[in-house]
Amino acid sequence: MTAANIDPPLTTRSRRRPELDAIRALVVVGLVFFHSALVFDTRDDYYVKNPETTDATMIAAGFGVVWAMPMLFLIAGLGSWYSLRRRGAGGFAVERLLRLGVPLVFATLALLPFPQWIRLRADPAYHESYPRFLPRFFDVHLDLTEFPFIVRGRYFESGHLWFVVMLLAYALLLALVVARLPRERGRRIRELLATAVRPRGAVLLLPAVPVALITALAGMEEPFAGWSRWAYLLFFLYGFVLASDDRFRAVMRRDAIPAVVCAVILLAIGMPGFLVAGDAPGANPFTDMTALAIGVRTLYGAAGWCCLVAILGVLDRRRSARTPVPDPTPVSSAAFMSGTAAEPVPAAVPEPAPARRGGLGKRVYAYLAAAVLPLYVLHQPIVVGVASWVVRWNAPMPVKYLAIVAISLTLTVAAYDLLVRRTAPTRFLFGMRGPVSGRRAAAG
């Protein structure tokens, strides 16, 4: 299959959406705050635990996890559309293996054992050195029943790299499907979907139903930020479809305010429902098949999709005041097929092109946008290491939390800046594009 086999989307002009890079950077930086909070959470089984814990951390985090990781998968799907058009299915698969597979293998070997070893050291009776622990961590076997996590072991884990594992697996599956999907059938599916979401509110209701059903019936997986792996697959595919035609973007922009209202209402009902469903001894609202648990998961799944439409739609409404987006009206087949391709939108973790020089804000934005994947890979081992030291302090929880966040952010950015972005080999190992240059180094 060649890149030409994917038809161009309906669009009026080439445009870049820098807000997507900003969202990615915001989510990844926010993960330092989130994982630092888990140190103090009563319910979560994090690698390091403070002697004093609280339920407040998970309640606050719930308002972030409902949209943050789903947004990364959605943006990854958006970027996959443009990458497939440029490279074709084979080229896209190779590019994903280099940009995601290489960092995944490297981080698994070099970084992932450390948090698990820190967890074991919480037991006073455990005295095994890190070098002696490594062979036990890598004592693994293959198990296809937990796809895409097919490498299993007693001590082995994918850790925070579950996101990279899923994203790589879903991208390779997408390449396989696109390679075998006839062009005409893909065009008909896209036209059918674009017509289906034209009525007001349809872009909220129709995609929300599958997400809500999967969340309700398949359950929610706590290790994956409270979403099912199959819900993440849906968000990824939704992003791919949304990028294929500007009419999808237009209806999201049009229905952004109703999406905000729906998200607020669903969360206002569903979040307290989670607390009620989890109050009974032994109850787990993430997986229980009681009527209450299924109901609150249904609301949560629908709320997640509404949050994505609200965020992307509101941000796009601001941009549309300067750059109009086409109305979601029917067009002839000839007009549909003759639209020019939009400028590639970066995926959830690949590095975007360096931005032009500008003020401090633009330079910080360009630096963080280029650093998203390395910062993601680096942050959790650093948070765990810092937390294992800070929890021994004789200080209030807020002081410890702020210390973990501040020190971890500083060390993570320093590790990226000094150890990753400055040499071609380390850039390759962390999935960054291209050799080092003066202009690239200045941007990140």
Protein backbone atom coordinates (compact mmCIF):
# COMPACT_ATOMS: atom_id res chain seq x y z
CA MET A 1 0.00 0.00 0.00
CA THR A 2 1.23 3.50 -0.81
CA ALA A 3 0.49 6.73 0.96
CA ALA A 4 -1.76 7.74 -1.94
CA ASN A 5 -4.18 4.97 -1.04
CA ILE A 6 -5.47 7.07 1.86
CA ASP A 7 -7.69 9.79 0.46
CA PRO A 8 -7.09 13.39 1.53
CA PRO A 9 -9.47 14.91 4.08
CA LEU A 10 -11.92 17.68 3.34
CA THR A 11 -10.19 20.89 4.37
CA THR A 12 -9.84 24.39 3.03
CA ARG A 13 -6.24 25.15 3.87
CA SER A 14 -3.13 23.67 5.46
CA ARG A 15 -3.04 24.41 9.18
CA ARG A 16 -1.19 23.29 12.22
CA ARG A 17 -2.86 22.86 15.60
CA PRO A 18 -0.24 23.83 18.19
CA GLU A 19 -2.79 23.44 20.99
CA LEU A 20 -2.42 19.68 20.61
CA ASP A 21 1.30 19.90 21.41
CA ALA A 22 0.44 22.07 24.41
CA ILE A 23 -2.09 19.50 25.68
CA ARG A 24 0.46 16.69 25.37
CA ALA A 25 3.05 18.66 27.29
CA LEU A 26 0.50 19.62 29.95
CA VAL A 27 -0.55 16.00 30.48
CA VAL A 28 3.01 14.68 30.72
CA VAL A 29 4.10 17.38 33.16
CA GLY A 30 0.88 16.77 35.08
CA LEU A 31 1.85 13.12 35.51
CA VAL A 32 4.62 14.20 37.88
CA PHE A 33 1.97 15.83 40.08
CA PHE A 34 -0.33 12.80 39.72
CA HIS A 35 2.24 10.12 40.53
CA SER A 36 3.60 12.19 43.40
CA ALA A 37 0.07 12.30 44.82
CA LEU A 38 -0.19 8.50 44.71
CA VAL A 39 2.53 8.35 47.36
CA PHE A 40 -0.06 9.73 49.79
CA ASP A 41 -3.17 7.93 48.50
CA THR A 42 -4.86 5.43 50.81
CA ARG A 43 -6.25 3.13 48.12
CA ASP A 44 -3.62 3.01 45.39
CA ASP A 45 -0.79 0.46 45.66
CA TYR A 46 2.02 2.76 44.52
CA TYR A 47 5.72 1.87 44.70
CA VAL A 48 6.34 4.16 47.67
CA LYS A 49 3.90 4.96 50.46
CA ASN A 50 4.00 7.75 52.99
CA PRO A 51 3.28 6.59 56.57
CA GLU A 52 0.29 8.94 56.60
CA THR A 53 -2.20 8.72 53.71
CA THR A 54 -5.43 10.37 52.60
CA ASP A 55 -8.43 9.73 50.34
CA ALA A 56 -8.40 13.30 49.05
CA THR A 57 -5.67 12.64 46.48
CA MET A 58 -7.70 10.13 44.47
CA ILE A 59 -10.79 12.31 44.51
CA ALA A 60 -8.81 15.24 43.11
CA ALA A 61 -7.00 13.03 40.59
CA GLY A 62 -10.29 11.65 39.28
CA PHE A 63 -11.05 14.93 37.55
CA GLY A 64 -7.78 14.66 35.63
CA VAL A 65 -7.65 10.98 34.72
CA VAL A 66 -11.13 11.16 33.18
CA TRP A 67 -9.66 13.05 30.19
CA ALA A 68 -5.85 13.15 30.32
CA MET A 69 -4.72 9.74 29.03
CA PRO A 70 -7.72 9.38 26.68
CA MET A 71 -6.65 12.70 25.18
CA LEU A 72 -3.13 11.40 24.52
CA PHE A 73 -4.54 8.39 22.66
CA LEU A 74 -6.92 10.60 20.69
CA ILE A 75 -4.14 12.95 19.63
CA ALA A 76 -2.00 9.93 18.73
CA GLY A 77 -4.79 8.75 16.44
CA LEU A 78 -4.98 12.17 14.82
CA GLY A 79 -1.27 12.10 14.09
CA SER A 80 -1.48 8.55 12.75
CA TRP A 81 -3.80 9.65 9.95
CA TYR A 82 -1.28 12.14 8.60
CA SER A 83 1.67 9.82 9.12
CA LEU A 84 -0.08 7.02 7.22
CA ARG A 85 -0.89 9.37 4.34
CA ARG A 86 2.74 10.43 4.06
CA ARG A 87 4.43 7.07 4.54
CA GLY A 88 1.94 4.36 3.69
CA ALA A 89 1.19 1.44 6.00
CA GLY A 90 4.65 -0.11 5.81
CA GLY A 91 6.52 3.14 6.34
CA PHE A 92 4.20 4.07 9.19
CA ALA A 93 4.84 0.74 10.93
CA VAL A 94 8.61 1.16 10.62
CA GLU A 95 8.42 4.73 11.89
CA ARG A 96 6.36 3.66 14.93
CA LEU A 97 8.79 0.86 15.72
CA LEU A 98 11.68 3.32 15.69
CA ARG A 99 9.92 6.15 17.55
CA LEU A 100 8.11 3.99 20.13
CA GLY A 101 9.64 0.51 20.01
CA VAL A 102 13.24 1.60 20.53
CA PRO A 103 12.47 3.76 23.63
CA LEU A 104 10.25 0.98 24.97
CA VAL A 105 13.02 -1.64 24.77
CA PHE A 106 15.68 0.72 26.11
CA ALA A 107 13.57 1.96 29.04
CA THR A 108 12.49 -1.60 29.89
CA LEU A 109 16.10 -2.65 30.22
CA ALA A 110 17.50 0.49 31.85
CA LEU A 111 14.71 2.07 33.91
CA LEU A 112 11.74 -0.18 34.67
CA PRO A 113 13.37 -2.50 37.24
CA PHE A 114 14.20 0.37 39.60
CA PRO A 115 10.66 1.25 40.83
CA GLN A 116 9.86 -2.42 41.40
CA TRP A 117 13.06 -2.85 43.42
CA ILE A 118 12.15 0.21 45.51
CA ARG A 119 8.75 -1.34 46.20
CA LEU A 120 10.38 -4.54 47.51
CA ARG A 121 12.76 -2.56 49.71
CA ALA A 122 9.77 -1.26 51.70
CA ASP A 123 9.88 -4.64 53.46
CA PRO A 124 12.52 -4.36 56.24
CA ALA A 125 13.39 -8.01 55.72
CA TYR A 126 14.34 -7.43 52.07
CA HIS A 127 18.07 -6.78 51.58
CA GLU A 128 18.71 -7.87 47.99
CA SER A 129 20.98 -5.57 46.00
CA TYR A 130 19.81 -4.03 42.74
CA PRO A 131 22.19 -6.08 40.53
CA ARG A 132 20.97 -9.30 42.17
CA PHE A 133 17.34 -8.27 41.64
CA LEU A 134 17.72 -7.65 37.89
CA PRO A 135 17.82 -11.34 36.80
CA ARG A 136 14.60 -11.97 38.72
CA PHE A 137 12.92 -8.97 37.10
CA PHE A 138 13.82 -10.24 33.63
CA ASP A 139 12.75 -13.84 34.33
CA VAL A 140 9.85 -13.63 31.86
CA HIS A 141 7.68 -15.66 29.50
CA LEU A 142 5.21 -14.88 26.72
CA ASP A 143 1.48 -14.86 27.45
CA LEU A 144 -0.88 -13.79 24.66
CA THR A 145 -3.94 -13.71 26.93
CA GLU A 146 -3.04 -10.26 28.30
CA PHE A 147 -2.57 -8.56 24.93
CA PRO A 148 -0.86 -6.22 24.32
CA PHE A 149 1.15 -7.03 27.45
CA ILE A 150 2.48 -10.32 26.19
CA VAL A 151 5.73 -10.33 28.21
CA ARG A 152 4.90 -11.58 31.71
CA GLY A 153 6.86 -12.49 34.82
CA ARG A 154 6.54 -12.67 38.58
CA TYR A 155 8.46 -9.44 39.13
CA PHE A 156 8.39 -8.04 35.60
CA GLU A 157 6.01 -5.21 34.79
CA SER A 158 5.49 -2.62 32.07
CA GLY A 159 5.18 0.08 34.72
CA HIS A 160 4.35 3.53 33.43
CA LEU A 161 5.32 2.43 29.93
CA TRP A 162 1.94 0.72 29.53
CA PHE A 163 0.99 3.77 27.48
CA VAL A 164 3.84 3.19 25.02
CA VAL A 165 3.06 -0.54 24.84
CA MET A 166 -0.59 0.14 23.98
CA LEU A 167 0.19 2.93 21.56
CA LEU A 168 2.72 0.85 19.64
CA ALA A 169 0.40 -2.18 19.49
CA TYR A 170 -2.58 -0.11 18.34
CA ALA A 171 -0.51 1.69 15.72
CA LEU A 172 0.75 -1.59 14.25
CA LEU A 173 -2.78 -3.01 14.21
CA LEU A 174 -4.01 0.14 12.46
CA ALA A 175 -1.28 -0.16 9.83
CA LEU A 176 -2.34 -3.77 9.19
CA VAL A 177 -6.01 -2.83 8.83
CA VAL A 178 -5.31 0.15 6.55
CA ALA A 179 -3.05 -1.96 4.36
CA ARG A 180 -5.89 -4.45 3.78
CA LEU A 181 -8.83 -2.02 3.64
CA PRO A 182 -9.94 -1.23 0.06
CA ARG A 183 -9.84 2.48 -0.68
CA GLU A 184 -13.47 2.65 -1.77
CA ARG A 185 -14.70 0.94 1.38
CA GLY A 186 -12.71 3.32 3.57
CA ARG A 187 -14.17 6.28 1.69
CA ARG A 188 -17.71 5.00 2.17
CA ILE A 189 -17.17 4.43 5.91
CA ARG A 190 -15.80 7.94 6.33
CA GLU A 191 -18.68 9.50 4.42
CA LEU A 192 -21.21 7.51 6.44
CA LEU A 193 -19.66 8.62 9.74
CA ALA A 194 -19.42 12.25 8.64
CA THR A 195 -23.11 12.22 7.74
CA ALA A 196 -24.07 10.51 11.01
CA VAL A 197 -22.53 13.21 13.22
CA ARG A 198 -24.01 16.18 11.34
CA PRO A 199 -27.09 16.61 13.60
CA ARG A 200 -26.50 18.69 16.70
CA GLY A 201 -25.33 16.59 19.62
CA ALA A 202 -24.61 13.51 17.49
CA VAL A 203 -20.84 13.91 17.90
CA LEU A 204 -21.43 13.66 21.66
CA LEU A 205 -23.91 10.80 21.72
CA LEU A 206 -22.79 8.39 19.00
CA PRO A 207 -19.07 8.02 19.94
CA ALA A 208 -19.92 8.11 23.67
CA VAL A 209 -22.09 4.99 23.50
CA PRO A 210 -19.29 2.50 22.61
CA VAL A 211 -16.94 4.11 25.16
CA ALA A 212 -19.60 3.94 27.88
CA LEU A 213 -20.46 0.32 27.06
CA ILE A 214 -16.85 -0.84 27.15
CA THR A 215 -16.21 1.04 30.38
CA ALA A 216 -19.35 -0.39 31.96
CA LEU A 217 -19.04 -4.01 30.84
CA ALA A 218 -15.29 -4.56 30.48
CA GLY A 219 -14.55 -2.65 33.66
CA MET A 220 -11.86 -0.11 34.44
CA GLU A 221 -8.21 -1.04 34.94
CA GLU A 222 -6.60 0.87 37.80
CA PRO A 223 -3.01 0.31 36.60
CA PHE A 224 -3.92 2.10 33.36
CA ALA A 225 -5.16 5.36 34.89
CA GLY A 226 -8.66 3.99 35.45
CA TRP A 227 -9.58 3.15 31.85
CA SER A 228 -9.91 -0.16 30.04
CA ARG A 229 -7.25 -0.89 27.45
CA TRP A 230 -10.06 -1.36 24.92
CA ALA A 231 -11.47 2.07 25.70
CA TYR A 232 -8.03 3.49 24.89
CA LEU A 233 -8.14 1.63 21.57
CA LEU A 234 -11.44 3.36 20.82
CA PHE A 235 -10.02 6.79 21.64
CA PHE A 236 -7.06 6.08 19.35
CA LEU A 237 -9.35 5.04 16.50
CA TYR A 238 -11.62 8.03 17.11
CA GLY A 239 -8.64 10.32 16.68
CA PHE A 240 -7.72 8.61 13.41
CA VAL A 241 -11.26 9.07 12.08
CA LEU A 242 -11.53 12.68 13.28
CA ALA A 243 -8.40 13.64 11.36
CA SER A 244 -9.73 12.15 8.12
CA ASP A 245 -12.33 14.85 7.42
CA ASP A 246 -12.64 18.45 8.60
CA ARG A 247 -16.37 18.00 9.02
CA PHE A 248 -15.67 16.03 12.21
CA ARG A 249 -13.58 18.89 13.52
CA ALA A 250 -16.31 21.37 12.65
CA VAL A 251 -19.05 19.55 14.55
CA MET A 252 -16.82 19.19 17.60
CA ARG A 253 -16.23 22.91 17.45
CA ARG A 254 -19.95 23.57 17.06
CA ASP A 255 -20.97 21.30 19.97
CA ALA A 256 -18.17 22.33 22.35
CA ILE A 257 -20.39 24.21 24.79
CA PRO A 258 -23.01 21.43 25.06
CA ALA A 259 -20.09 19.07 25.62
CA VAL A 260 -18.90 21.19 28.57
CA VAL A 261 -22.39 21.11 30.09
CA CYS A 262 -22.75 17.35 29.60
CA ALA A 263 -19.31 16.64 31.05
CA VAL A 264 -20.05 18.69 34.17
CA ILE A 265 -23.43 17.02 34.73
CA LEU A 266 -22.13 13.49 34.17
CA LEU A 267 -19.16 14.01 36.48
CA ALA A 268 -21.31 15.66 39.13
CA ILE A 269 -23.49 12.54 39.23
CA GLY A 270 -20.92 9.85 38.52
CA MET A 271 -18.00 10.85 40.75
CA PRO A 272 -20.01 10.74 44.01
CA GLY A 273 -21.48 7.48 42.72
CA PHE A 274 -17.99 5.97 42.68
CA LEU A 275 -17.52 6.85 46.33
CA VAL A 276 -20.87 5.30 47.26
CA ALA A 277 -20.22 2.17 45.19
CA GLY A 278 -16.83 1.69 46.84
CA ASP A 279 -17.96 2.18 50.43
CA ALA A 280 -19.11 -1.40 51.03
CA PRO A 281 -16.46 -3.80 52.42
CA GLY A 282 -14.67 -5.54 49.56
CA ALA A 283 -16.45 -3.46 46.92
CA ASN A 284 -14.56 -2.35 43.80
CA PRO A 285 -16.54 0.03 41.58
CA PHE A 286 -13.91 -0.39 38.85
CA THR A 287 -14.80 -4.04 38.24
CA ASP A 288 -17.91 -5.01 40.25
CA MET A 289 -20.94 -6.03 38.17
CA THR A 290 -23.54 -4.57 40.52
CA ALA A 291 -26.13 -2.21 39.07
CA LEU A 292 -24.61 0.77 40.86
CA ALA A 293 -21.05 0.03 39.75
CA ILE A 294 -22.11 -0.52 36.13
CA GLY A 295 -24.13 2.67 36.23
CA VAL A 296 -21.33 4.89 37.51
CA ARG A 297 -18.88 3.39 35.02
CA THR A 298 -21.33 4.14 32.23
CA LEU A 299 -21.51 7.77 33.33
CA TYR A 300 -17.72 7.93 33.63
CA GLY A 301 -17.17 6.58 30.11
CA ALA A 302 -19.64 9.05 28.59
CA ALA A 303 -18.13 11.89 30.63
CA GLY A 304 -14.67 11.06 29.33
CA TRP A 305 -15.74 11.46 25.72
CA CYS A 306 -17.64 14.67 26.49
CA CYS A 307 -14.50 16.07 28.14
CA LEU A 308 -12.47 15.41 25.00
CA VAL A 309 -15.03 17.08 22.74
CA ALA A 310 -15.27 20.01 25.15
CA ILE A 311 -11.52 20.58 25.40
CA LEU A 312 -10.74 20.22 21.70
CA GLY A 313 -13.87 22.07 20.63
CA VAL A 314 -13.37 25.05 22.94
CA LEU A 315 -9.71 25.40 21.97
CA ASP A 316 -10.62 25.18 18.29
CA ARG A 317 -13.34 27.81 18.70
CA ARG A 318 -10.69 30.23 19.90
CA ARG A 319 -8.49 29.49 16.89
CA SER A 320 -11.42 29.67 14.49
CA ALA A 321 -11.86 33.37 15.28
CA ARG A 322 -8.61 33.85 13.36
CA THR A 323 -8.72 30.84 11.00
CA PRO A 324 -12.23 29.76 9.95
CA VAL A 325 -13.05 26.05 9.88
CA PRO A 326 -15.50 24.72 7.24
CA ASP A 327 -19.11 24.24 8.29
CA PRO A 328 -20.27 20.60 8.62
CA THR A 329 -22.43 20.80 5.47
CA PRO A 330 -22.72 18.17 2.74
CA VAL A 331 -20.36 18.45 -0.23
CA SER A 332 -20.24 16.78 -3.60
CA SER A 333 -18.04 13.73 -4.09
CA ALA A 334 -15.75 15.75 -6.32
CA ALA A 335 -15.32 18.46 -3.72
CA PHE A 336 -14.78 15.85 -1.02
CA MET A 337 -12.01 14.19 -3.00
CA SER A 338 -10.27 17.37 -4.13
CA GLY A 339 -9.52 18.90 -0.71
CA THR A 340 -5.87 19.53 0.09
CA ALA A 341 -4.26 17.64 2.95
CA ALA A 342 -3.94 19.34 6.30
CA GLU A 343 -0.51 19.90 7.73
CA PRO A 344 0.57 16.89 9.78
CA VAL A 345 -0.53 16.96 13.41
CA PRO A 346 2.00 15.42 15.81
CA ALA A 347 1.01 12.17 17.47
CA ALA A 348 0.76 11.76 21.23
CA VAL A 349 4.42 11.16 21.84
CA PRO A 350 6.49 11.93 18.70
CA GLU A 351 8.44 15.15 18.65
CA PRO A 352 6.97 18.05 16.64
CA ALA A 353 8.92 20.31 14.36
CA PRO A 354 10.82 23.08 16.17
CA ALA A 355 8.88 26.29 16.51
CA ARG A 356 10.10 29.66 15.32
CA ARG A 357 12.03 31.79 17.72
CA GLY A 358 9.90 34.11 19.77
CA GLY A 359 9.29 35.17 23.34
CA LEU A 360 10.05 33.15 26.43
CA GLY A 361 6.61 31.50 26.37
CA LYS A 362 7.09 30.25 22.82
CA ARG A 363 10.56 28.94 23.57
CA VAL A 364 9.32 27.07 26.66
CA TYR A 365 6.43 25.65 24.63
CA ALA A 366 8.78 24.48 21.85
CA TYR A 367 11.15 22.95 24.39
CA LEU A 368 8.43 20.99 26.17
CA ALA A 369 6.67 19.94 22.96
CA ALA A 370 9.87 18.32 21.71
CA ALA A 371 10.53 16.69 25.09
CA VAL A 372 7.19 14.92 25.64
CA LEU A 373 8.24 11.31 25.11
CA PRO A 374 11.62 11.52 26.92
CA LEU A 375 9.99 13.30 29.87
CA TYR A 376 7.31 10.63 30.00
CA VAL A 377 9.86 7.81 29.96
CA LEU A 378 12.08 9.43 32.58
CA HIS A 379 9.61 10.83 35.09
CA GLN A 380 8.33 7.84 37.06
CA PRO A 381 11.65 6.25 38.13
CA ILE A 382 12.74 9.70 39.27
CA VAL A 383 9.50 10.32 41.19
CA VAL A 384 9.84 6.93 42.90
CA GLY A 385 13.46 7.52 43.82
CA VAL A 386 12.78 10.99 45.20
CA ALA A 387 9.67 9.84 47.09
CA SER A 388 11.53 6.95 48.74
CA TRP A 389 13.78 9.57 50.33
CA VAL A 390 11.22 12.30 51.09
CA VAL A 391 8.69 10.03 52.86
CA ARG A 392 11.26 9.54 55.63
CA TRP A 393 11.17 13.23 56.46
CA ASN A 394 9.46 14.38 59.64
CA ALA A 395 7.20 16.87 57.85
CA PRO A 396 3.50 17.40 57.05
CA MET A 397 2.06 15.70 53.96
CA PRO A 398 1.67 18.94 51.95
CA VAL A 399 5.34 19.79 52.48
CA LYS A 400 6.44 16.31 51.42
CA TYR A 401 4.19 16.40 48.37
CA LEU A 402 5.47 19.76 47.18
CA ALA A 403 9.05 18.61 47.76
CA ILE A 404 8.54 15.44 45.70
CA VAL A 405 6.96 17.42 42.86
CA ALA A 406 9.59 20.17 42.81
CA ILE A 407 12.61 17.88 43.06
CA SER A 408 11.22 15.33 40.59
CA LEU A 409 10.33 17.96 37.99
CA THR A 410 13.78 19.52 38.29
CA LEU A 411 15.61 16.21 37.98
CA THR A 412 13.42 14.98 35.12
CA VAL A 413 13.97 18.11 33.03
CA ALA A 414 17.68 18.11 33.91
CA ALA A 415 18.03 14.45 32.89
CA TYR A 416 16.33 15.17 29.58
CA ASP A 417 18.36 18.30 28.92
CA LEU A 418 21.77 16.98 29.91
CA LEU A 419 21.53 13.26 29.11
CA VAL A 420 19.06 12.90 26.24
CA ARG A 421 18.62 15.77 23.82
CA ARG A 422 22.24 16.73 23.23
CA THR A 423 23.56 13.65 21.39
CA ALA A 424 22.28 11.69 18.41
CA PRO A 425 22.52 8.24 20.08
CA THR A 426 20.51 9.29 23.14
CA ARG A 427 17.94 11.07 20.98
CA PHE A 428 17.50 7.85 19.03
CA LEU A 429 17.12 5.78 22.22
CA PHE A 430 14.37 8.11 23.46
CA GLY A 431 12.47 8.31 20.16
CA MET A 432 13.46 11.82 19.12
CA ARG A 433 13.78 12.73 15.48
CA GLY A 434 16.91 13.76 13.65
CA PRO A 435 20.49 14.62 14.55
CA VAL A 436 21.44 17.42 16.92
CA SER A 437 21.75 20.86 15.41
CA GLY A 438 22.17 24.32 16.84
CA ARG A 439 18.61 25.33 16.05
CA ARG A 440 17.18 21.99 17.24
CA ALA A 441 19.16 22.10 20.45
CA ALA A 442 17.87 25.57 21.20
CA ALA A 443 14.28 24.36 20.82
CA GLY A 444 14.78 21.07 22.59
